[in-house]
């Protein structure tokens, strides 16, 4: 009889421990969640993990065709800055689309075009770029998984398609 009570007691204790492990969060879990949230907030604020703002990392100038704004040219870009690491932008890239809108459709407003490019970083939207005469899509959640590694893979896929004479996707 005592053996039965002892066995039941042990089983109850094991059940309580199992319940605790399954339903109580460890403080480290909250810290990991907090780090992910910080990363998202930094992106929304237009800053990278070093605190550099998107606007500080790139210089854009108007690109006109036939007297009408056709895009913005990357005149200067900070190495390892937010725009280079997230999108993979390079010097002399011509950004012709941002926020899923063509820059030529922005009524010749170069400041609006620049703002839309910067907002693409914050909202994780893709940029459409002319690089070496080829149109490619960089960054964004859908095109690149929302990170620089994904952006590099997206760019690499498009370069391979261009080399094979196919239209980039």
N, C-alpha and C. Protein backbone atom coordinates (compact mmCIF):
# COMPACT_ATOMS: atom_id res chain seq x y z
N UNK A 1 0.83 -1.18 0.00
CA UNK A 1 0.00 0.00 0.00
C UNK A 1 0.88 1.25 0.00
N UNK A 2 1.91 1.25 0.89
CA UNK A 2 2.82 2.40 0.91
C UNK A 2 3.54 2.55 -0.43
N UNK A 3 3.90 1.40 -0.99
CA UNK A 3 4.55 1.42 -2.29
C UNK A 3 3.67 2.11 -3.33
N UNK A 4 2.38 1.84 -3.31
CA UNK A 4 1.42 2.45 -4.25
C UNK A 4 1.35 3.95 -4.07
N UNK A 5 1.29 4.44 -2.80
CA UNK A 5 1.26 5.88 -2.55
C UNK A 5 2.56 6.56 -3.00
N UNK A 6 3.67 5.91 -2.76
CA UNK A 6 4.97 6.44 -3.18
C UNK A 6 5.06 6.55 -4.70
N UNK A 7 4.59 5.53 -5.38
CA UNK A 7 4.60 5.53 -6.84
C UNK A 7 3.70 6.62 -7.40
N UNK A 8 2.52 6.76 -6.83
CA UNK A 8 1.60 7.82 -7.26
C UNK A 8 2.21 9.19 -7.00
N UNK A 9 2.86 9.36 -5.86
CA UNK A 9 3.52 10.63 -5.54
C UNK A 9 4.60 10.98 -6.55
N UNK A 10 5.40 10.00 -6.91
CA UNK A 10 6.46 10.23 -7.90
C UNK A 10 5.86 10.60 -9.26
N UNK A 11 4.81 9.91 -9.65
CA UNK A 11 4.15 10.20 -10.93
C UNK A 11 3.55 11.61 -10.94
N UNK A 12 2.96 12.03 -9.82
CA UNK A 12 2.40 13.38 -9.72
C UNK A 12 3.52 14.42 -9.86
N UNK A 13 4.65 14.21 -9.19
CA UNK A 13 5.77 15.15 -9.28
C UNK A 13 6.29 15.21 -10.72
N UNK A 14 6.42 14.08 -11.38
CA UNK A 14 6.87 14.05 -12.78
C UNK A 14 5.87 14.79 -13.67
N UNK A 15 4.58 14.61 -13.40
CA UNK A 15 3.55 15.32 -14.17
C UNK A 15 3.64 16.82 -13.98
N UNK A 16 3.88 17.29 -12.77
CA UNK A 16 4.02 18.72 -12.49
C UNK A 16 5.24 19.29 -13.21
N UNK A 17 6.34 18.57 -13.17
CA UNK A 17 7.57 19.02 -13.85
C UNK A 17 7.33 19.11 -15.36
N UNK A 18 6.68 18.09 -15.93
CA UNK A 18 6.40 18.09 -17.37
C UNK A 18 5.48 19.26 -17.74
N UNK A 19 4.47 19.52 -16.92
CA UNK A 19 3.57 20.65 -17.16
C UNK A 19 4.35 21.97 -17.12
N UNK A 20 5.20 22.11 -16.14
CA UNK A 20 5.99 23.34 -16.00
C UNK A 20 6.89 23.56 -17.21
N UNK A 21 7.57 22.51 -17.67
CA UNK A 21 8.46 22.64 -18.83
C UNK A 21 7.68 22.97 -20.09
N UNK A 22 6.49 22.45 -20.21
CA UNK A 22 5.70 22.67 -21.42
C UNK A 22 4.98 24.00 -21.47
N UNK A 23 4.67 24.59 -20.32
CA UNK A 23 3.81 25.78 -20.32
C UNK A 23 4.46 27.06 -19.80
N UNK A 24 5.61 26.97 -19.23
CA UNK A 24 6.26 28.15 -18.67
C UNK A 24 7.41 28.54 -19.59
N UNK A 25 7.44 29.83 -19.98
CA UNK A 25 8.50 30.30 -20.86
C UNK A 25 9.76 30.59 -20.06
N UNK A 26 10.84 30.28 -20.67
CA UNK A 26 12.14 30.57 -20.06
C UNK A 26 12.50 32.02 -20.39
N UNK A 27 13.15 32.75 -19.49
CA UNK A 27 13.53 34.14 -19.77
C UNK A 27 14.36 34.29 -21.04
N UNK A 28 15.16 33.29 -21.39
CA UNK A 28 15.98 33.37 -22.61
C UNK A 28 15.09 33.43 -23.86
N UNK A 29 13.91 32.79 -23.81
CA UNK A 29 12.99 32.85 -24.94
C UNK A 29 12.52 34.27 -25.17
N UNK A 30 12.23 34.98 -24.11
CA UNK A 30 11.79 36.37 -24.22
C UNK A 30 12.91 37.25 -24.77
N UNK A 31 14.14 36.97 -24.37
CA UNK A 31 15.27 37.75 -24.87
C UNK A 31 15.42 37.54 -26.37
N UNK A 32 15.31 36.30 -26.83
CA UNK A 32 15.41 36.02 -28.26
C UNK A 32 14.29 36.73 -29.03
N UNK A 33 13.09 36.70 -28.49
CA UNK A 33 11.97 37.39 -29.13
C UNK A 33 12.24 38.89 -29.17
N UNK A 34 12.80 39.43 -28.10
CA UNK A 34 13.11 40.85 -28.04
C UNK A 34 14.14 41.25 -29.08
N UNK A 35 15.13 40.40 -29.31
CA UNK A 35 16.16 40.70 -30.32
C UNK A 35 15.55 40.75 -31.71
N UNK A 36 14.64 39.83 -32.01
CA UNK A 36 13.97 39.84 -33.32
C UNK A 36 13.13 41.11 -33.48
N UNK A 37 12.44 41.49 -32.42
CA UNK A 37 11.61 42.70 -32.48
C UNK A 37 12.49 43.93 -32.66
N UNK A 38 13.63 43.99 -31.97
CA UNK A 38 14.56 45.11 -32.14
C UNK A 38 15.01 45.23 -33.59
N UNK A 39 15.32 44.09 -34.20
CA UNK A 39 15.76 44.08 -35.59
C UNK A 39 14.67 44.66 -36.51
N UNK A 40 13.44 44.24 -36.30
CA UNK A 40 12.33 44.74 -37.11
C UNK A 40 12.11 46.23 -36.89
N UNK A 41 12.20 46.67 -35.64
CA UNK A 41 11.99 48.09 -35.33
C UNK A 41 13.09 48.94 -35.96
N UNK A 42 14.34 48.45 -35.91
CA UNK A 42 15.43 49.19 -36.56
C UNK A 42 15.16 49.35 -38.05
N UNK A 43 14.71 48.28 -38.68
CA UNK A 43 14.42 48.33 -40.12
C UNK A 43 13.31 49.35 -40.38
N UNK A 44 12.25 49.31 -39.60
CA UNK A 44 11.16 50.26 -39.78
C UNK A 44 11.60 51.71 -39.53
N UNK A 45 12.57 51.87 -38.64
CA UNK A 45 13.09 53.21 -38.35
C UNK A 45 14.09 53.67 -39.40
N UNK A 46 14.45 52.78 -40.32
CA UNK A 46 15.40 53.15 -41.37
C UNK A 46 16.84 53.14 -40.90
N UNK A 47 17.16 52.25 -39.98
CA UNK A 47 18.53 52.15 -39.46
C UNK A 47 18.98 50.70 -39.51
N UNK A 48 20.30 50.51 -39.63
CA UNK A 48 20.83 49.15 -39.57
C UNK A 48 21.29 48.84 -38.16
N UNK A 49 21.91 47.68 -37.97
CA UNK A 49 22.30 47.27 -36.61
C UNK A 49 23.39 48.14 -36.00
N UNK A 50 24.12 48.90 -36.83
CA UNK A 50 25.14 49.81 -36.29
C UNK A 50 24.55 51.17 -35.93
N UNK A 51 23.29 51.41 -36.32
CA UNK A 51 22.64 52.68 -36.05
C UNK A 51 22.70 53.65 -37.21
N UNK A 52 23.37 53.28 -38.31
CA UNK A 52 23.46 54.15 -39.48
C UNK A 52 22.09 54.26 -40.16
N UNK A 53 21.71 55.48 -40.48
CA UNK A 53 20.42 55.66 -41.15
C UNK A 53 20.56 55.37 -42.64
N UNK A 54 19.47 54.99 -43.25
CA UNK A 54 19.45 54.65 -44.66
C UNK A 54 19.86 55.86 -45.49
N UNK A 55 19.37 57.03 -45.15
CA UNK A 55 19.69 58.24 -45.90
C UNK A 55 21.16 58.60 -45.86
N UNK A 56 21.86 58.24 -44.78
CA UNK A 56 23.30 58.51 -44.67
C UNK A 56 24.12 57.54 -45.51
N UNK A 57 23.55 56.40 -45.86
CA UNK A 57 24.34 55.35 -46.50
C UNK A 57 24.37 55.45 -48.02
N UNK A 58 23.60 56.39 -48.60
CA UNK A 58 23.51 56.44 -50.06
C UNK A 58 23.28 57.88 -50.53
N UNK A 59 23.83 58.20 -51.69
CA UNK A 59 23.57 59.48 -52.35
C UNK A 59 22.93 59.17 -53.69
N UNK A 60 21.77 59.74 -53.93
CA UNK A 60 21.03 59.51 -55.16
C UNK A 60 20.90 60.81 -55.94
N UNK A 61 21.00 60.72 -57.26
CA UNK A 61 20.82 61.87 -58.15
C UNK A 61 19.80 61.51 -59.22
N UNK A 62 19.15 62.52 -59.75
CA UNK A 62 18.14 62.31 -60.78
C UNK A 62 18.76 61.73 -62.04
N UNK A 63 18.04 60.84 -62.69
CA UNK A 63 18.42 60.30 -63.99
C UNK A 63 17.29 60.65 -64.95
N UNK A 64 17.58 61.53 -65.89
CA UNK A 64 16.55 62.01 -66.82
C UNK A 64 16.75 61.36 -68.19
N UNK A 65 15.66 61.13 -68.85
CA UNK A 65 15.66 60.63 -70.22
C UNK A 65 14.62 61.44 -70.98
N UNK A 66 15.07 62.16 -71.98
CA UNK A 66 14.15 62.99 -72.75
C UNK A 66 13.55 64.12 -71.93
N UNK A 67 14.32 64.64 -70.97
CA UNK A 67 13.85 65.74 -70.14
C UNK A 67 12.86 65.33 -69.07
N UNK A 68 12.65 64.05 -68.89
CA UNK A 68 11.69 63.57 -67.89
C UNK A 68 12.42 62.62 -66.93
N UNK A 69 12.09 62.72 -65.66
CA UNK A 69 12.69 61.85 -64.64
C UNK A 69 12.39 60.39 -64.97
N UNK A 70 13.44 59.59 -65.09
CA UNK A 70 13.30 58.18 -65.46
C UNK A 70 13.76 57.25 -64.33
N UNK A 71 14.56 57.81 -63.39
CA UNK A 71 15.06 57.01 -62.29
C UNK A 71 15.99 57.85 -61.44
N UNK A 72 16.62 57.21 -60.47
CA UNK A 72 17.64 57.87 -59.66
C UNK A 72 18.89 57.01 -59.71
N UNK A 73 20.04 57.69 -59.84
CA UNK A 73 21.32 57.01 -59.97
C UNK A 73 22.02 56.98 -58.61
N UNK A 74 22.61 55.84 -58.28
CA UNK A 74 23.41 55.72 -57.07
C UNK A 74 24.75 56.40 -57.34
N UNK A 75 24.96 57.59 -56.76
CA UNK A 75 26.20 58.34 -56.94
C UNK A 75 27.25 57.96 -55.92
N UNK A 76 26.81 57.60 -54.72
CA UNK A 76 27.73 57.21 -53.65
C UNK A 76 26.98 56.24 -52.74
N UNK A 77 27.70 55.22 -52.26
CA UNK A 77 27.08 54.26 -51.35
C UNK A 77 28.13 53.83 -50.34
N UNK A 78 27.75 53.81 -49.08
CA UNK A 78 28.66 53.42 -48.00
C UNK A 78 28.79 51.89 -47.99
N UNK A 79 30.03 51.42 -48.03
CA UNK A 79 30.27 49.98 -47.96
C UNK A 79 29.73 49.44 -46.64
N UNK A 80 29.02 48.35 -46.71
CA UNK A 80 28.40 47.69 -45.56
C UNK A 80 27.32 48.55 -44.90
N UNK A 81 26.87 49.59 -45.58
CA UNK A 81 25.76 50.40 -45.08
C UNK A 81 24.44 49.68 -45.36
N UNK A 82 23.34 50.22 -44.83
CA UNK A 82 22.06 49.55 -44.97
C UNK A 82 21.63 49.28 -46.42
N UNK A 83 21.84 50.24 -47.30
CA UNK A 83 21.38 50.06 -48.68
C UNK A 83 22.24 49.05 -49.44
N UNK A 84 23.50 48.98 -49.11
CA UNK A 84 24.35 47.98 -49.79
C UNK A 84 24.07 46.59 -49.25
N UNK A 85 23.98 46.45 -47.94
CA UNK A 85 23.81 45.12 -47.36
C UNK A 85 22.41 44.55 -47.61
N UNK A 86 21.38 45.38 -47.57
CA UNK A 86 20.02 44.86 -47.74
C UNK A 86 19.68 44.62 -49.21
N UNK A 87 19.96 45.61 -50.06
CA UNK A 87 19.60 45.50 -51.47
C UNK A 87 20.73 45.00 -52.35
N UNK A 88 21.98 45.20 -51.94
CA UNK A 88 23.09 44.87 -52.82
C UNK A 88 23.31 45.92 -53.89
N UNK A 89 22.92 47.17 -53.61
CA UNK A 89 23.09 48.25 -54.58
C UNK A 89 24.57 48.53 -54.82
N UNK A 90 24.87 49.00 -56.02
CA UNK A 90 26.24 49.33 -56.41
C UNK A 90 26.27 50.72 -57.02
N UNK A 91 27.46 51.29 -57.07
CA UNK A 91 27.63 52.59 -57.73
C UNK A 91 27.12 52.52 -59.16
N UNK A 92 26.51 53.59 -59.61
CA UNK A 92 25.98 53.74 -60.97
C UNK A 92 24.77 52.88 -61.28
N UNK A 93 24.22 52.16 -60.30
CA UNK A 93 22.93 51.50 -60.51
C UNK A 93 21.89 52.60 -60.74
N UNK A 94 20.99 52.35 -61.66
CA UNK A 94 19.88 53.30 -61.90
C UNK A 94 18.62 52.65 -61.34
N UNK A 95 18.09 53.24 -60.28
CA UNK A 95 16.88 52.71 -59.66
C UNK A 95 15.69 53.26 -60.45
N UNK A 96 14.94 52.36 -61.08
CA UNK A 96 13.83 52.78 -61.93
C UNK A 96 12.47 52.46 -61.32
N UNK A 97 12.46 51.74 -60.21
CA UNK A 97 11.21 51.42 -59.54
C UNK A 97 11.41 51.23 -58.05
N UNK A 98 10.45 51.72 -57.28
CA UNK A 98 10.49 51.58 -55.82
C UNK A 98 9.05 51.48 -55.32
N UNK A 99 8.87 50.72 -54.25
CA UNK A 99 7.53 50.55 -53.67
C UNK A 99 6.53 50.06 -54.72
N UNK A 100 7.03 49.21 -55.62
CA UNK A 100 6.20 48.63 -56.68
C UNK A 100 5.60 49.69 -57.59
N UNK A 101 6.34 50.79 -57.77
CA UNK A 101 5.90 51.89 -58.63
C UNK A 101 7.10 52.35 -59.46
N UNK A 102 6.87 52.65 -60.73
CA UNK A 102 7.94 53.14 -61.59
C UNK A 102 8.24 54.60 -61.28
N UNK A 103 9.51 54.94 -61.25
CA UNK A 103 9.91 56.31 -60.93
C UNK A 103 9.47 57.28 -62.03
N UNK A 104 9.42 56.81 -63.27
CA UNK A 104 8.98 57.70 -64.35
C UNK A 104 7.52 58.15 -64.18
N UNK A 105 6.77 57.45 -63.33
CA UNK A 105 5.37 57.79 -63.08
C UNK A 105 5.20 58.73 -61.88
N UNK A 106 6.29 59.29 -61.37
CA UNK A 106 6.22 60.13 -60.17
C UNK A 106 6.23 61.62 -60.49
N UNK A 107 5.76 62.01 -61.64
CA UNK A 107 5.58 63.43 -62.02
C UNK A 107 6.84 64.27 -61.88
N UNK A 108 7.99 63.72 -62.30
CA UNK A 108 9.26 64.45 -62.28
C UNK A 108 9.64 64.95 -60.88
N UNK A 109 9.17 64.32 -59.84
CA UNK A 109 9.49 64.72 -58.48
C UNK A 109 10.63 63.86 -57.95
N UNK A 110 11.86 64.37 -58.09
CA UNK A 110 13.03 63.60 -57.69
C UNK A 110 13.07 63.36 -56.18
N UNK A 111 12.60 64.31 -55.39
CA UNK A 111 12.59 64.12 -53.93
C UNK A 111 11.62 63.02 -53.52
N UNK A 112 10.48 62.93 -54.20
CA UNK A 112 9.54 61.85 -53.94
C UNK A 112 10.18 60.51 -54.31
N UNK A 113 10.87 60.49 -55.43
CA UNK A 113 11.53 59.25 -55.87
C UNK A 113 12.58 58.81 -54.84
N UNK A 114 13.38 59.75 -54.35
CA UNK A 114 14.39 59.41 -53.35
C UNK A 114 13.72 58.90 -52.07
N UNK A 115 12.66 59.55 -51.66
CA UNK A 115 11.94 59.13 -50.45
C UNK A 115 11.36 57.72 -50.62
N UNK A 116 10.86 57.42 -51.81
CA UNK A 116 10.29 56.09 -52.06
C UNK A 116 11.38 55.01 -52.00
N UNK A 117 12.57 55.34 -52.49
CA UNK A 117 13.68 54.39 -52.43
C UNK A 117 14.03 54.11 -50.97
N UNK A 118 14.15 55.15 -50.18
CA UNK A 118 14.49 54.97 -48.76
C UNK A 118 13.38 54.22 -48.02
N UNK A 119 12.15 54.51 -48.37
CA UNK A 119 11.02 53.82 -47.73
C UNK A 119 10.99 52.34 -48.10
N UNK A 120 11.50 52.00 -49.27
CA UNK A 120 11.56 50.58 -49.66
C UNK A 120 12.37 49.77 -48.66
N UNK A 121 13.43 50.37 -48.14
CA UNK A 121 14.22 49.69 -47.11
C UNK A 121 13.38 49.48 -45.86
N UNK A 122 12.70 50.53 -45.43
CA UNK A 122 11.93 50.46 -44.19
C UNK A 122 10.79 49.45 -44.28
N UNK A 123 10.14 49.41 -45.42
CA UNK A 123 8.97 48.55 -45.58
C UNK A 123 9.28 47.20 -46.21
N UNK A 124 10.59 46.97 -46.48
CA UNK A 124 11.04 45.71 -47.07
C UNK A 124 10.38 45.44 -48.42
N UNK A 125 10.36 46.46 -49.24
CA UNK A 125 9.81 46.33 -50.59
C UNK A 125 10.96 46.28 -51.60
N UNK A 126 10.75 45.63 -52.72
CA UNK A 126 11.83 45.49 -53.70
C UNK A 126 12.09 46.79 -54.47
N UNK A 127 13.31 46.89 -54.99
CA UNK A 127 13.69 47.96 -55.90
C UNK A 127 13.92 47.35 -57.27
N UNK A 128 13.53 48.08 -58.31
CA UNK A 128 13.83 47.67 -59.67
C UNK A 128 14.99 48.53 -60.14
N UNK A 129 16.04 47.89 -60.63
CA UNK A 129 17.30 48.57 -60.92
C UNK A 129 17.76 48.20 -62.32
N UNK A 130 18.34 49.20 -63.01
CA UNK A 130 19.07 48.94 -64.25
C UNK A 130 20.54 48.84 -63.89
N UNK A 131 21.12 47.69 -64.14
CA UNK A 131 22.55 47.48 -63.87
C UNK A 131 23.16 46.92 -65.14
N UNK A 132 24.12 47.66 -65.68
CA UNK A 132 24.78 47.25 -66.92
C UNK A 132 23.76 46.98 -68.04
N UNK A 133 22.73 47.82 -68.10
CA UNK A 133 21.72 47.70 -69.15
C UNK A 133 20.67 46.64 -68.92
N UNK A 134 20.76 45.88 -67.84
CA UNK A 134 19.79 44.83 -67.55
C UNK A 134 18.92 45.23 -66.36
N UNK A 135 17.63 44.98 -66.49
CA UNK A 135 16.69 45.29 -65.40
C UNK A 135 16.66 44.12 -64.43
N UNK A 136 16.90 44.41 -63.14
CA UNK A 136 16.87 43.39 -62.10
C UNK A 136 16.05 43.90 -60.92
N UNK A 137 15.57 42.98 -60.10
CA UNK A 137 14.83 43.32 -58.89
C UNK A 137 15.69 42.94 -57.69
N UNK A 138 15.81 43.88 -56.75
CA UNK A 138 16.63 43.66 -55.57
C UNK A 138 15.80 43.79 -54.30
N UNK A 139 16.08 42.92 -53.33
CA UNK A 139 15.51 43.04 -51.99
C UNK A 139 14.03 42.77 -51.92
N UNK A 140 13.46 43.20 -50.81
CA UNK A 140 12.03 42.98 -50.56
C UNK A 140 11.78 41.60 -49.99
N UNK A 141 10.71 41.46 -49.25
CA UNK A 141 10.37 40.18 -48.63
C UNK A 141 10.15 39.09 -49.67
N UNK A 142 9.41 39.40 -50.74
CA UNK A 142 9.09 38.38 -51.73
C UNK A 142 10.29 38.04 -52.61
N UNK A 143 11.01 39.07 -53.06
CA UNK A 143 12.09 38.84 -54.01
C UNK A 143 13.31 38.23 -53.36
N UNK A 144 13.55 38.56 -52.08
CA UNK A 144 14.83 38.14 -51.52
C UNK A 144 14.75 37.62 -50.10
N UNK A 145 13.60 37.36 -49.61
CA UNK A 145 13.54 36.84 -48.24
C UNK A 145 13.83 37.89 -47.20
N UNK A 146 13.93 39.17 -47.61
CA UNK A 146 14.11 40.23 -46.66
C UNK A 146 15.47 40.38 -46.08
N UNK A 147 16.50 39.85 -46.68
CA UNK A 147 17.83 40.03 -46.13
C UNK A 147 18.86 40.09 -47.22
N UNK A 148 20.07 40.46 -46.86
CA UNK A 148 21.13 40.64 -47.85
C UNK A 148 21.51 39.31 -48.50
N UNK A 149 21.51 38.24 -47.73
CA UNK A 149 21.86 36.95 -48.29
C UNK A 149 20.83 36.56 -49.35
N UNK A 150 19.56 36.81 -49.05
CA UNK A 150 18.51 36.54 -50.02
C UNK A 150 18.63 37.45 -51.23
N UNK A 151 19.00 38.71 -50.99
CA UNK A 151 19.18 39.65 -52.08
C UNK A 151 20.30 39.18 -53.00
N UNK A 152 21.37 38.70 -52.43
CA UNK A 152 22.49 38.21 -53.23
C UNK A 152 22.05 37.01 -54.08
N UNK A 153 21.26 36.11 -53.49
CA UNK A 153 20.77 34.96 -54.24
C UNK A 153 19.85 35.41 -55.37
N UNK A 154 18.98 36.39 -55.09
CA UNK A 154 18.07 36.90 -56.11
C UNK A 154 18.86 37.52 -57.26
N UNK A 155 19.85 38.33 -56.93
CA UNK A 155 20.68 38.96 -57.96
C UNK A 155 21.41 37.90 -58.76
N UNK A 156 21.97 36.90 -58.07
CA UNK A 156 22.71 35.85 -58.76
C UNK A 156 21.80 35.09 -59.72
N UNK A 157 20.57 34.78 -59.32
CA UNK A 157 19.62 34.10 -60.21
C UNK A 157 19.36 34.94 -61.45
N UNK A 158 19.20 36.25 -61.25
CA UNK A 158 18.91 37.13 -62.38
C UNK A 158 20.11 37.25 -63.31
N UNK A 159 21.31 37.29 -62.75
CA UNK A 159 22.52 37.36 -63.58
C UNK A 159 22.66 36.09 -64.40
N UNK A 160 22.42 34.94 -63.78
CA UNK A 160 22.49 33.67 -64.52
C UNK A 160 21.47 33.64 -65.65
N UNK A 161 20.26 34.15 -65.40
CA UNK A 161 19.24 34.19 -66.44
C UNK A 161 19.66 35.08 -67.59
N UNK A 162 20.29 36.21 -67.28
CA UNK A 162 20.77 37.13 -68.31
C UNK A 162 21.85 36.45 -69.15
N UNK A 163 22.79 35.76 -68.50
CA UNK A 163 23.87 35.07 -69.20
C UNK A 163 23.31 34.01 -70.15
N UNK A 164 22.22 33.37 -69.75
CA UNK A 164 21.63 32.32 -70.58
C UNK A 164 20.67 32.89 -71.62
N UNK A 165 20.55 34.21 -71.67
CA UNK A 165 19.69 34.84 -72.67
C UNK A 165 18.22 34.81 -72.35
N UNK A 166 17.90 34.54 -71.09
CA UNK A 166 16.50 34.52 -70.66
C UNK A 166 16.17 35.84 -69.98
N UNK A 167 14.87 36.14 -69.90
CA UNK A 167 14.43 37.34 -69.17
C UNK A 167 14.55 37.05 -67.69
N UNK A 168 15.15 38.00 -66.91
CA UNK A 168 15.25 37.78 -65.45
C UNK A 168 13.88 37.75 -64.81
N UNK A 169 13.76 36.96 -63.74
CA UNK A 169 12.48 36.85 -63.04
C UNK A 169 12.44 37.78 -61.87
